[in-house]
Amino acid sequence: LHLGVSEAGPPWTGTIRSAVGIGALLAEGIGDTIRVS
């Protein structure tokens, strides 16, 4: 699975959205590669 939150936003907002979404999944053992948008 390629993880990412699509159209996450400008750097500040997008970083938070991506960290929460991608981080939650990775912490559950889900995901093999990531792209922050």
Full PDB file with SEQRES, HELIX, SHEET, SSBOND, CRYST1, ORIGX, SCALE, CONECT and MASTER records, all heavy atoms in Angstrom:
SEQRES   1 A   37  LEU HIS LEU GLY VAL SER GLU ALA GLY PRO PRO TRP THR          
SEQRES   2 A   37  GLY THR ILE ARG SER ALA VAL GLY ILE GLY ALA LEU LEU          
SEQRES   3 A   37  ALA GLU GLY ILE GLY ASP THR ILE ARG VAL SER                  
HELIX    1 AA1 PRO A   11  ALA A   27  1                                  17    
SHEET    1 AA1 2 HIS A   2  LEU A   3  0                                        
SHEET    2 AA1 2 THR A  33  ILE A  34  1                                        
CRYST1    1.000    1.000    1.000  90.00  90.00  90.00 P 1           1          
ORIGX1      1.000000  0.000000  0.000000        0.00000                         
ORIGX2      0.000000  1.000000  0.000000        0.00000                         
ORIGX3      0.000000  0.000000  1.000000        0.00000                         
SCALE1      1.000000  0.000000  0.000000        0.00000                         
SCALE2      0.000000  1.000000  0.000000        0.00000                         
SCALE3      0.000000  0.000000  1.000000        0.00000                         
ATOM      1  N   LEU A   1       0.831  -1.204   0.000  1.00  0.00           N  
ATOM      2  CA  LEU A   1       0.000   0.000   0.000  1.00  0.00           C  
ATOM      3  C   LEU A   1       0.865   1.252   0.000  1.00  0.00           C  
ATOM      4  O   LEU A   1       1.798   1.384   0.790  1.00  0.00           O  
ATOM      5  CB  LEU A   1      -0.924   0.003   1.218  1.00  0.00           C  
ATOM      6  CG  LEU A   1      -1.891  -1.173   1.339  1.00  0.00           C  
ATOM      7  CD1 LEU A   1      -2.848  -0.954   2.502  1.00  0.00           C  
ATOM      8  CD2 LEU A   1      -2.659  -1.408   0.050  1.00  0.00           C  
ATOM      9  N   HIS A   2       0.519   2.150  -0.888  1.00  0.00           N  
ATOM     10  CA  HIS A   2       1.148   3.473  -1.005  1.00  0.00           C  
ATOM     11  C   HIS A   2       0.251   4.435  -0.225  1.00  0.00           C  
ATOM     12  O   HIS A   2      -0.901   4.662  -0.593  1.00  0.00           O  
ATOM     13  CB  HIS A   2       1.232   3.832  -2.487  1.00  0.00           C  
ATOM     14  CG  HIS A   2       1.574   5.253  -2.782  1.00  0.00           C  
ATOM     15  ND1 HIS A   2       2.700   5.609  -3.496  1.00  0.00           N  
ATOM     16  CD2 HIS A   2       0.936   6.411  -2.508  1.00  0.00           C  
ATOM     17  CE1 HIS A   2       2.731   6.925  -3.635  1.00  0.00           C  
ATOM     18  NE2 HIS A   2       1.664   7.431  -3.036  1.00  0.00           N  
ATOM     19  N   LEU A   3       0.777   4.985   0.874  1.00  0.00           N  
ATOM     20  CA  LEU A   3      -0.017   5.840   1.756  1.00  0.00           C  
ATOM     21  C   LEU A   3       0.128   7.313   1.391  1.00  0.00           C  
ATOM     22  O   LEU A   3       1.190   7.768   0.982  1.00  0.00           O  
ATOM     23  CB  LEU A   3       0.413   5.681   3.215  1.00  0.00           C  
ATOM     24  CG  LEU A   3       0.340   4.296   3.855  1.00  0.00           C  
ATOM     25  CD1 LEU A   3       0.652   4.399   5.337  1.00  0.00           C  
ATOM     26  CD2 LEU A   3      -1.012   3.646   3.643  1.00  0.00           C  
ATOM     27  N   GLY A   4      -0.960   8.046   1.614  1.00  0.00           N  
ATOM     28  CA  GLY A   4      -0.914   9.484   1.449  1.00  0.00           C  
ATOM     29  C   GLY A   4      -2.275  10.093   1.726  1.00  0.00           C  
ATOM     30  O   GLY A   4      -3.300   9.422   1.609  1.00  0.00           O  
ATOM     31  N   VAL A   5      -2.272  11.345   2.120  1.00  0.00           N  
ATOM     32  CA  VAL A   5      -3.491  12.135   2.229  1.00  0.00           C  
ATOM     33  C   VAL A   5      -3.489  13.077   1.035  1.00  0.00           C  
ATOM     34  O   VAL A   5      -2.606  13.929   0.913  1.00  0.00           O  
ATOM     35  CB  VAL A   5      -3.552  12.925   3.552  1.00  0.00           C  
ATOM     36  CG1 VAL A   5      -4.794  13.794   3.605  1.00  0.00           C  
ATOM     37  CG2 VAL A   5      -3.510  11.972   4.736  1.00  0.00           C  
ATOM     38  N   SER A   6      -4.436  12.917   0.135  1.00  0.00           N  
ATOM     39  CA  SER A   6      -4.411  13.667  -1.117  1.00  0.00           C  
ATOM     40  C   SER A   6      -4.789  15.126  -0.895  1.00  0.00           C  
ATOM     41  O   SER A   6      -5.622  15.441  -0.037  1.00  0.00           O  
ATOM     42  CB  SER A   6      -5.391  13.022  -2.105  1.00  0.00           C  
ATOM     43  OG  SER A   6      -5.290  13.607  -3.365  1.00  0.00           O  
ATOM     44  N   GLU A   7      -4.160  16.005  -1.688  1.00  0.00           N  
ATOM     45  CA  GLU A   7      -4.443  17.449  -1.583  1.00  0.00           C  
ATOM     46  C   GLU A   7      -4.442  17.904  -0.127  1.00  0.00           C  
ATOM     47  O   GLU A   7      -5.384  18.549   0.348  1.00  0.00           O  
ATOM     48  CB  GLU A   7      -5.794  17.800  -2.228  1.00  0.00           C  
ATOM     49  CG  GLU A   7      -5.857  17.530  -3.707  1.00  0.00           C  
ATOM     50  CD  GLU A   7      -6.451  16.163  -4.035  1.00  0.00           C  
ATOM     51  OE1 GLU A   7      -7.294  15.667  -3.259  1.00  0.00           O  
ATOM     52  OE2 GLU A   7      -6.065  15.579  -5.052  1.00  0.00           O  
ATOM     53  N   ALA A   8      -3.370  17.572   0.586  1.00  0.00           N  
ATOM     54  CA  ALA A   8      -3.326  17.836   2.027  1.00  0.00           C  
ATOM     55  C   ALA A   8      -3.315  19.324   2.358  1.00  0.00           C  
ATOM     56  O   ALA A   8      -3.693  19.713   3.462  1.00  0.00           O  
ATOM     57  CB  ALA A   8      -2.110  17.160   2.648  1.00  0.00           C  
ATOM     58  N   GLY A   9      -2.852  20.174   1.417  1.00  0.00           N  
ATOM     59  CA  GLY A   9      -2.905  21.605   1.662  1.00  0.00           C  
ATOM     60  C   GLY A   9      -1.546  22.271   1.655  1.00  0.00           C  
ATOM     61  O   GLY A   9      -0.541  21.655   1.293  1.00  0.00           O  
ATOM     62  N   PRO A  10      -1.494  23.550   2.046  1.00  0.00           N  
ATOM     63  CA  PRO A  10      -0.212  24.248   2.137  1.00  0.00           C  
ATOM     64  C   PRO A  10       0.665  23.612   3.215  1.00  0.00           C  
ATOM     65  O   PRO A  10       0.183  22.811   4.028  1.00  0.00           O  
ATOM     66  CB  PRO A  10      -0.615  25.682   2.482  1.00  0.00           C  
ATOM     67  CG  PRO A  10      -1.976  25.571   3.076  1.00  0.00           C  
ATOM     68  CD  PRO A  10      -2.631  24.398   2.425  1.00  0.00           C  
ATOM     69  N   PRO A  11       1.960  23.977   3.248  1.00  0.00           N  
ATOM     70  CA  PRO A  11       2.903  23.243   4.106  1.00  0.00           C  
ATOM     71  C   PRO A  11       2.480  23.050   5.554  1.00  0.00           C  
ATOM     72  O   PRO A  11       2.606  21.940   6.086  1.00  0.00           O  
ATOM     73  CB  PRO A  11       4.177  24.075   3.985  1.00  0.00           C  
ATOM     74  CG  PRO A  11       4.123  24.632   2.604  1.00  0.00           C  
ATOM     75  CD  PRO A  11       2.665  24.942   2.376  1.00  0.00           C  
ATOM     76  N   TRP A  12       1.984  24.096   6.221  1.00  0.00           N  
ATOM     77  CA  TRP A  12       1.644  23.941   7.642  1.00  0.00           C  
ATOM     78  C   TRP A  12       0.468  22.981   7.824  1.00  0.00           C  
ATOM     79  O   TRP A  12       0.564  21.976   8.526  1.00  0.00           O  
ATOM     80  CB  TRP A  12       1.331  25.307   8.243  1.00  0.00           C  
ATOM     81  CG  TRP A  12       0.749  25.256   9.624  1.00  0.00           C  
ATOM     82  CD1 TRP A  12      -0.519  25.578   9.993  1.00  0.00           C  
ATOM     83  CD2 TRP A  12       1.411  24.844  10.833  1.00  0.00           C  
ATOM     84  NE1 TRP A  12      -0.693  25.408  11.346  1.00  0.00           N  
ATOM     85  CE2 TRP A  12       0.474  24.955  11.888  1.00  0.00           C  
ATOM     86  CE3 TRP A  12       2.693  24.389  11.129  1.00  0.00           C  
ATOM     87  CZ2 TRP A  12       0.778  24.632  13.201  1.00  0.00           C  
ATOM     88  CZ3 TRP A  12       3.007  24.059  12.444  1.00  0.00           C  
ATOM     89  CH2 TRP A  12       2.059  24.190  13.457  1.00  0.00           C  
ATOM     90  N   THR A  13      -0.657  23.269   7.159  1.00  0.00           N  
ATOM     91  CA  THR A  13      -1.835  22.421   7.275  1.00  0.00           C  
ATOM     92  C   THR A  13      -1.575  21.030   6.725  1.00  0.00           C  
ATOM     93  O   THR A  13      -1.962  20.017   7.316  1.00  0.00           O  
ATOM     94  CB  THR A  13      -3.021  23.062   6.529  1.00  0.00           C  
ATOM     95  OG1 THR A  13      -3.228  24.372   7.022  1.00  0.00           O  
ATOM     96  CG2 THR A  13      -4.286  22.246   6.694  1.00  0.00           C  
ATOM     97  N   GLY A  14      -0.922  20.988   5.571  1.00  0.00           N  
ATOM     98  CA  GLY A  14      -0.672  19.704   4.928  1.00  0.00           C  
ATOM     99  C   GLY A  14       0.241  18.802   5.727  1.00  0.00           C  
ATOM    100  O   GLY A  14       0.073  17.576   5.730  1.00  0.00           O  
ATOM    101  N   THR A  15       1.200  19.397   6.409  1.00  0.00           N  
ATOM    102  CA  THR A  15       2.091  18.596   7.257  1.00  0.00           C  
ATOM    103  C   THR A  15       1.304  17.942   8.388  1.00  0.00           C  
ATOM    104  O   THR A  15       1.491  16.758   8.689  1.00  0.00           O  
ATOM    105  CB  THR A  15       3.209  19.486   7.829  1.00  0.00           C  
ATOM    106  OG1 THR A  15       4.058  19.920   6.758  1.00  0.00           O  
ATOM    107  CG2 THR A  15       4.037  18.734   8.852  1.00  0.00           C  
ATOM    108  N   ILE A  16       0.420  18.705   9.012  1.00  0.00           N  
ATOM    109  CA  ILE A  16      -0.373  18.155  10.120  1.00  0.00           C  
ATOM    110  C   ILE A  16      -1.306  17.062   9.616  1.00  0.00           C  
ATOM    111  O   ILE A  16      -1.373  15.968  10.188  1.00  0.00           O  
ATOM    112  CB  ILE A  16      -1.159  19.273  10.818  1.00  0.00           C  
ATOM    113  CG1 ILE A  16      -0.190  20.251  11.499  1.00  0.00           C  
ATOM    114  CG2 ILE A  16      -2.142  18.694  11.843  1.00  0.00           C  
ATOM    115  CD1 ILE A  16      -0.829  21.498  12.010  1.00  0.00           C  
ATOM    116  N   ARG A  17      -2.037  17.342   8.525  1.00  0.00           N  
ATOM    117  CA  ARG A  17      -2.948  16.325   7.982  1.00  0.00           C  
ATOM    118  C   ARG A  17      -2.182  15.044   7.625  1.00  0.00           C  
ATOM    119  O   ARG A  17      -2.632  13.935   7.922  1.00  0.00           O  
ATOM    120  CB  ARG A  17      -3.636  16.846   6.722  1.00  0.00           C  
ATOM    121  CG  ARG A  17      -4.825  17.741   6.977  1.00  0.00           C  
ATOM    122  CD  ARG A  17      -5.764  17.718   5.772  1.00  0.00           C  
ATOM    123  NE  ARG A  17      -6.861  18.663   5.977  1.00  0.00           N  
ATOM    124  CZ  ARG A  17      -6.946  19.843   5.394  1.00  0.00           C  
ATOM    125  NH1 ARG A  17      -5.998  20.250   4.585  1.00  0.00           N  
ATOM    126  NH2 ARG A  17      -7.978  20.633   5.630  1.00  0.00           N  
ATOM    127  N   SER A  18      -1.063  15.209   6.977  1.00  0.00           N  
ATOM    128  CA  SER A  18      -0.290  14.042   6.543  1.00  0.00           C  
ATOM    129  C   SER A  18       0.273  13.273   7.725  1.00  0.00           C  
ATOM    130  O   SER A  18       0.242  12.033   7.749  1.00  0.00           O  
ATOM    131  CB  SER A  18       0.839  14.484   5.615  1.00  0.00           C  
ATOM    132  OG  SER A  18       0.328  15.097   4.444  1.00  0.00           O  
ATOM    133  N   ALA A  19       0.794  14.004   8.713  1.00  0.00           N  
ATOM    134  CA  ALA A  19       1.368  13.331   9.878  1.00  0.00           C  
ATOM    135  C   ALA A  19       0.302  12.534  10.623  1.00  0.00           C  
ATOM    136  O   ALA A  19       0.552  11.403  11.072  1.00  0.00           O  
ATOM    137  CB  ALA A  19       2.011  14.355  10.809  1.00  0.00           C  
ATOM    138  N   VAL A  20      -0.903  13.102  10.746  1.00  0.00           N  
ATOM    139  CA  VAL A  20      -1.978  12.400  11.454  1.00  0.00           C  
ATOM    140  C   VAL A  20      -2.443  11.185  10.657  1.00  0.00           C  
ATOM    141  O   VAL A  20      -2.535  10.067  11.180  1.00  0.00           O  
ATOM    142  CB  VAL A  20      -3.157  13.355  11.731  1.00  0.00           C  
ATOM    143  CG1 VAL A  20      -4.341  12.581  12.308  1.00  0.00           C  
ATOM    144  CG2 VAL A  20      -2.735  14.450  12.705  1.00  0.00           C  
ATOM    145  N   GLY A  21      -2.740  11.390   9.361  1.00  0.00           N  
ATOM    146  CA  GLY A  21      -3.274  10.296   8.556  1.00  0.00           C  
ATOM    147  C   GLY A  21      -2.261   9.193   8.295  1.00  0.00           C  
ATOM    148  O   GLY A  21      -2.520   8.012   8.573  1.00  0.00           O  
ATOM    149  N   ILE A  22      -1.107   9.568   7.770  1.00  0.00           N  
ATOM    150  CA  ILE A  22      -0.073   8.571   7.468  1.00  0.00           C  
ATOM    151  C   ILE A  22       0.446   7.949   8.750  1.00  0.00           C  
ATOM    152  O   ILE A  22       0.645   6.733   8.845  1.00  0.00           O  
ATOM    153  CB  ILE A  22       1.064   9.226   6.655  1.00  0.00           C  
ATOM    154  CG1 ILE A  22       0.550   9.666   5.285  1.00  0.00           C  
ATOM    155  CG2 ILE A  22       2.236   8.263   6.494  1.00  0.00           C  
ATOM    156  CD1 ILE A  22       1.547  10.489   4.483  1.00  0.00           C  
ATOM    157  N   GLY A  23       0.664   8.788   9.758  1.00  0.00           N  
ATOM    158  CA  GLY A  23       1.203   8.282  11.020  1.00  0.00           C  
ATOM    159  C   GLY A  23       0.268   7.297  11.692  1.00  0.00           C  
ATOM    160  O   GLY A  23       0.710   6.277  12.236  1.00  0.00           O  
ATOM    161  N   ALA A  24      -1.048   7.563  11.671  1.00  0.00           N  
ATOM    162  CA  ALA A  24      -2.007   6.655  12.289  1.00  0.00           C  
ATOM    163  C   ALA A  24      -1.969   5.286  11.633  1.00  0.00           C  
ATOM    164  O   ALA A  24      -1.982   4.246  12.308  1.00  0.00           O  
ATOM    165  CB  ALA A  24      -3.417   7.245  12.203  1.00  0.00           C  
ATOM    166  N   LEU A  25      -1.897   5.262  10.309  1.00  0.00           N  
ATOM    167  CA  LEU A  25      -1.881   3.994   9.587  1.00  0.00           C  
ATOM    168  C   LEU A  25      -0.578   3.236   9.818  1.00  0.00           C  
ATOM    169  O   LEU A  25      -0.588   2.023  10.073  1.00  0.00           O  
ATOM    170  CB  LEU A  25      -2.101   4.246   8.097  1.00  0.00           C  
ATOM    171  CG  LEU A  25      -3.516   4.703   7.729  1.00  0.00           C  
ATOM    172  CD1 LEU A  25      -3.552   5.305   6.338  1.00  0.00           C  
ATOM    173  CD2 LEU A  25      -4.498   3.535   7.830  1.00  0.00           C  
ATOM    174  N   LEU A  26       0.538   3.944   9.732  1.00  0.00           N  
ATOM    175  CA  LEU A  26       1.815   3.285   9.973  1.00  0.00           C  
ATOM    176  C   LEU A  26       1.888   2.714  11.385  1.00  0.00           C  
ATOM    177  O   LEU A  26       2.433   1.624  11.604  1.00  0.00           O  
ATOM    178  CB  LEU A  26       2.969   4.262   9.742  1.00  0.00           C  
ATOM    179  CG  LEU A  26       3.235   4.672   8.286  1.00  0.00           C  
ATOM    180  CD1 LEU A  26       4.292   5.769   8.239  1.00  0.00           C  
ATOM    181  CD2 LEU A  26       3.686   3.477   7.446  1.00  0.00           C  
ATOM    182  N   ALA A  27       1.347   3.442  12.348  1.00  0.00           N  
ATOM    183  CA  ALA A  27       1.356   2.960  13.735  1.00  0.00           C  
ATOM    184  C   ALA A  27       0.530   1.687  13.891  1.00  0.00           C  
ATOM    185  O   ALA A  27       0.764   0.903  14.812  1.00  0.00           O  
ATOM    186  CB  ALA A  27       0.838   4.042  14.678  1.00  0.00           C  
ATOM    187  N   GLU A  28      -0.427   1.474  12.988  1.00  0.00           N  
ATOM    188  CA  GLU A  28      -1.229   0.255  13.005  1.00  0.00           C  
ATOM    189  C   GLU A  28      -0.603  -0.863  12.184  1.00  0.00           C  
ATOM    190  O   GLU A  28      -1.186  -1.944  12.053  1.00  0.00           O  
ATOM    191  CB  GLU A  28      -2.635   0.553  12.470  1.00  0.00           C  
ATOM    192  CG  GLU A  28      -3.447   1.493  13.347  1.00  0.00           C  
ATOM    193  CD  GLU A  28      -4.825   1.782  12.760  1.00  0.00           C  
ATOM    194  OE1 GLU A  28      -5.258   1.031  11.859  1.00  0.00           O  
ATOM    195  OE2 GLU A  28      -5.457   2.749  13.203  1.00  0.00           O  
ATOM    196  N   GLY A  29       0.571  -0.605  11.598  1.00  0.00           N  
ATOM    197  CA  GLY A  29       1.234  -1.623  10.793  1.00  0.00           C  
ATOM    198  C   GLY A  29       0.806  -1.640   9.345  1.00  0.00           C  
ATOM    199  O   GLY A  29       1.113  -2.572   8.600  1.00  0.00           O  
ATOM    200  N   ILE A  30       0.096  -0.598   8.911  1.00  0.00           N  
ATOM    201  CA  ILE A  30      -0.411  -0.515   7.538  1.00  0.00           C  
ATOM    202  C   ILE A  30       0.451   0.447   6.735  1.00  0.00           C  
ATOM    203  O   ILE A  30       0.685   1.579   7.165  1.00  0.00           O  
ATOM    204  CB  ILE A  30      -1.874  -0.042   7.523  1.00  0.00           C  
ATOM    205  CG1 ILE A  30      -2.777  -1.057   8.243  1.00  0.00           C  
ATOM    206  CG2 ILE A  30      -2.361   0.188   6.097  1.00  0.00           C  
ATOM    207  CD1 ILE A  30      -4.199  -0.562   8.455  1.00  0.00           C  
ATOM    208  N   GLY A  31       0.912   0.013   5.568  1.00  0.00           N  
ATOM    209  CA  GLY A  31       1.631   0.909   4.670  1.00  0.00           C  
ATOM    210  C   GLY A  31       3.043   0.461   4.378  1.00  0.00           C  
ATOM    211  O   GLY A  31       3.750  -0.021   5.262  1.00  0.00           O  
ATOM    212  N   ASP A  32       3.445   0.653   3.107  1.00  0.00           N  
ATOM    213  CA  ASP A  32       4.757   0.203   2.657  1.00  0.00           C  
ATOM    214  C   ASP A  32       5.586   1.307   2.025  1.00  0.00           C  
ATOM    215  O   ASP A  32       6.805   1.197   1.953  1.00  0.00           O  
ATOM    216  CB  ASP A  32       4.584  -0.934   1.652  1.00  0.00           C  
ATOM    217  CG  ASP A  32       3.814  -2.098   2.241  1.00  0.00           C  
ATOM    218  OD1 ASP A  32       4.414  -2.871   3.007  1.00  0.00           O  
ATOM    219  OD2 ASP A  32       2.600  -2.212   1.971  1.00  0.00           O  
ATOM    220  N   THR A  33       4.939   2.350   1.548  1.00  0.00           N  
ATOM    221  CA  THR A  33       5.634   3.505   0.983  1.00  0.00           C  
ATOM    222  C   THR A  33       4.731   4.705   1.160  1.00  0.00           C  
ATOM    223  O   THR A  33       3.503   4.549   1.227  1.00  0.00           O  
ATOM    224  CB  THR A  33       6.000   3.272  -0.504  1.00  0.00           C  
ATOM    225  OG1 THR A  33       6.762   4.381  -1.003  1.00  0.00           O  
ATOM    226  CG2 THR A  33       4.756   3.090  -1.357  1.00  0.00           C  
ATOM    227  N   ILE A  34       5.297   5.908   1.283  1.00  0.00           N  
ATOM    228  CA  ILE A  34       4.485   7.085   1.582  1.00  0.00           C  
ATOM    229  C   ILE A  34       4.837   8.236   0.653  1.00  0.00           C  
ATOM    230  O   ILE A  34       5.968   8.357   0.190  1.00  0.00           O  
ATOM    231  CB  ILE A  34       4.636   7.544   3.048  1.00  0.00           C  
ATOM    232  CG1 ILE A  34       6.060   8.060   3.319  1.00  0.00           C  
ATOM    233  CG2 ILE A  34       4.304   6.406   4.009  1.00  0.00           C  
ATOM    234  CD1 ILE A  34       6.216   8.688   4.708  1.00  0.00           C  
ATOM    235  N   ARG A  35       3.831   9.069   0.404  1.00  0.00           N  
ATOM    236  CA  ARG A  35       4.056  10.341  -0.275  1.00  0.00           C  
ATOM    237  C   ARG A  35       3.250  11.416   0.454  1.00  0.00           C  
ATOM    238  O   ARG A  35       2.027  11.302   0.595  1.00  0.00           O  
ATOM    239  CB  ARG A  35       3.626  10.290  -1.746  1.00  0.00           C  
ATOM    240  CG  ARG A  35       4.030  11.544  -2.563  1.00  0.00           C  
ATOM    241  CD  ARG A  35       2.890  12.544  -2.666  1.00  0.00           C  
ATOM    242  NE  ARG A  35       3.282  13.813  -3.251  1.00  0.00           N  
ATOM    243  CZ  ARG A  35       2.792  14.312  -4.394  1.00  0.00           C  
ATOM    244  NH1 ARG A  35       1.892  13.648  -5.079  1.00  0.00           N  
ATOM    245  NH2 ARG A  35       3.185  15.499  -4.810  1.00  0.00           N  
ATOM    246  N   VAL A  36       3.913  12.422   0.938  1.00  0.00           N  
ATOM    247  CA  VAL A  36       3.261  13.577   1.544  1.00  0.00           C  
ATOM    248  C   VAL A  36       2.934  14.564   0.425  1.00  0.00           C  
ATOM    249  O   VAL A  36       3.803  14.910  -0.368  1.00  0.00           O  
ATOM    250  CB  VAL A  36       4.175  14.235   2.599  1.00  0.00           C  
ATOM    251  CG1 VAL A  36       3.579  15.533   3.103  1.00  0.00           C  
ATOM    252  CG2 VAL A  36       4.426  13.270   3.750  1.00  0.00           C  
ATOM    253  N   SER A  37       1.689  15.008   0.350  1.00  0.00           N  
ATOM    254  CA  SER A  37       1.246  15.902  -0.723  1.00  0.00           C  
ATOM    255  C   SER A  37       1.073  17.321  -0.183  1.00  0.00           C  
ATOM    256  O   SER A  37       0.118  17.592   0.546  1.00  0.00           O  
ATOM    257  CB  SER A  37      -0.086  15.412  -1.314  1.00  0.00           C  
ATOM    258  OG  SER A  37       0.062  14.125  -1.868  1.00  0.00           O  
TER     259      SER A  37                                                      
MASTER        0    0    0    1    2    0    0    6  258    1    0    3          
END                                                                             
